[in-house]
């Protein structure tokens, strides 16, 4: 799922370049020519893909204890639940399965 978000971000970036009037025509045409003929609206499809994938990603919930000081100096502990999405699109760097192999 994170890979699909990265792909959607790339496609949206390419569509932004294609729709920018300051970009030279040669580059805009190159991006436009790479969109398959069956796709009617490439930018809308890329945004739809990102929206649907982000909607399916699980939310990360973290419960933590927060210390709150009142005006009279009393200290009170409360539990706060924060719901957020992962900050990184790609959670970890890829690793090779054979990198640290001990050979006889």
Protein backbone atom coordinates (compact mmCIF):
# COMPACT_ATOMS: atom_id res chain seq x y z
CA UNK A 1 0.00 0.00 0.00
CA UNK A 2 2.85 2.38 0.78
CA UNK A 3 4.30 1.64 -2.64
CA UNK A 4 1.02 2.63 -4.26
CA UNK A 5 1.07 5.94 -2.36
CA UNK A 6 4.60 6.57 -3.64
CA UNK A 7 3.48 5.72 -7.19
CA UNK A 8 0.47 8.04 -6.92
CA UNK A 9 2.70 10.86 -5.64
CA UNK A 10 5.02 10.37 -8.61
CA UNK A 11 2.11 10.36 -11.07
CA UNK A 12 0.61 13.49 -9.52
CA UNK A 13 4.01 15.19 -9.74
CA UNK A 14 4.27 14.29 -13.43
CA UNK A 15 0.75 15.60 -14.06
CA UNK A 16 1.61 18.84 -12.28
CA UNK A 17 4.61 19.25 -14.58
CA UNK A 18 2.43 18.49 -17.60
CA UNK A 19 -0.26 21.02 -16.57
CA UNK A 20 2.23 23.79 -15.72
CA UNK A 21 2.31 26.35 -18.51
CA UNK A 22 5.88 27.40 -17.62
CA UNK A 23 7.22 23.93 -18.48
CA UNK A 24 8.71 23.66 -21.95
CA UNK A 25 6.43 22.08 -24.55
CA UNK A 26 8.81 19.23 -25.35
CA UNK A 27 8.73 17.95 -21.75
CA UNK A 28 4.95 18.40 -21.45
CA UNK A 29 4.38 16.45 -24.66
CA UNK A 30 6.71 13.67 -23.51
CA UNK A 31 4.71 13.21 -20.31
CA UNK A 32 1.39 13.45 -22.18
CA UNK A 33 2.49 10.80 -24.71
CA UNK A 34 3.26 8.33 -21.90
CA UNK A 35 -0.35 8.32 -20.69
CA UNK A 36 -2.17 5.33 -22.25
CA UNK A 37 -5.05 6.06 -24.64
CA UNK A 38 -7.58 4.19 -22.47
CA UNK A 39 -7.03 6.73 -19.66
CA UNK A 40 -9.35 9.67 -20.32
CA UNK A 41 -8.14 11.99 -17.53
CA UNK A 42 -4.67 11.09 -16.22
CA UNK A 43 -4.40 13.69 -13.43
CA UNK A 44 -7.82 12.79 -12.05
CA UNK A 45 -6.95 9.08 -12.12
CA UNK A 46 -3.70 9.69 -10.21
CA UNK A 47 -5.46 11.76 -7.55
CA UNK A 48 -8.22 9.15 -7.25
CA UNK A 49 -5.61 6.41 -6.79
CA UNK A 50 -3.89 8.33 -4.00
CA UNK A 51 -7.17 9.12 -2.27
CA UNK A 52 -8.35 5.51 -2.36
CA UNK A 53 -5.03 4.07 -1.14
CA UNK A 54 -4.72 6.58 1.71
CA UNK A 55 -8.27 5.78 2.77
CA UNK A 56 -7.37 2.08 3.05
CA UNK A 57 -4.13 2.59 4.99
CA UNK A 58 -4.52 1.79 8.68
CA UNK A 59 -4.44 4.66 11.10
CA UNK A 60 -1.78 4.54 13.80
CA UNK A 61 -3.08 5.07 17.30
CA UNK A 62 -0.82 5.90 20.21
CA UNK A 63 -1.99 6.33 23.77
CA UNK A 64 0.19 8.39 26.04
CA UNK A 65 -0.07 9.92 29.47
CA UNK A 66 -0.04 13.69 29.56
CA UNK A 67 0.76 15.69 32.70
CA UNK A 68 -1.45 18.75 33.10
CA UNK A 69 -0.82 21.53 35.63
CA UNK A 70 -3.81 23.44 36.90
CA UNK A 71 -3.76 27.12 37.83
CA UNK A 72 -3.67 26.30 41.55
CA UNK A 73 -0.49 24.25 41.07
CA UNK A 74 -2.12 20.81 41.27
CA UNK A 75 -0.67 18.21 38.93
CA UNK A 76 -3.03 15.83 37.19
CA UNK A 77 -2.29 13.01 34.75
CA UNK A 78 -4.62 12.32 31.85
CA UNK A 79 -4.56 9.83 29.04
CA UNK A 80 -4.54 11.22 25.53
CA UNK A 81 -5.11 9.17 22.41
CA UNK A 82 -3.57 10.49 19.24
CA UNK A 83 -4.65 9.15 15.91
CA UNK A 84 -2.33 9.85 13.01
CA UNK A 85 -1.17 8.36 9.78
CA UNK A 86 2.40 7.15 9.38
CA UNK A 87 4.68 10.06 8.51
CA UNK A 88 6.85 8.10 6.13
CA UNK A 89 5.48 6.81 2.86
CA UNK A 90 8.07 4.06 2.78
CA UNK A 91 8.42 2.73 6.35
CA UNK A 92 11.89 1.28 6.11
CA UNK A 93 14.82 1.00 3.79
CA UNK A 94 14.87 -2.19 1.75
CA UNK A 95 17.40 -4.79 2.74
CA UNK A 96 19.01 -7.62 0.89
CA UNK A 97 18.27 -11.16 2.05
CA UNK A 98 21.79 -12.30 1.21
CA UNK A 99 23.87 -9.37 2.38
CA UNK A 100 25.20 -10.81 5.66
CA UNK A 101 25.55 -14.44 4.68
CA UNK A 102 28.28 -16.37 6.50
CA UNK A 103 29.98 -18.60 3.98
CA UNK A 104 32.13 -21.55 5.08
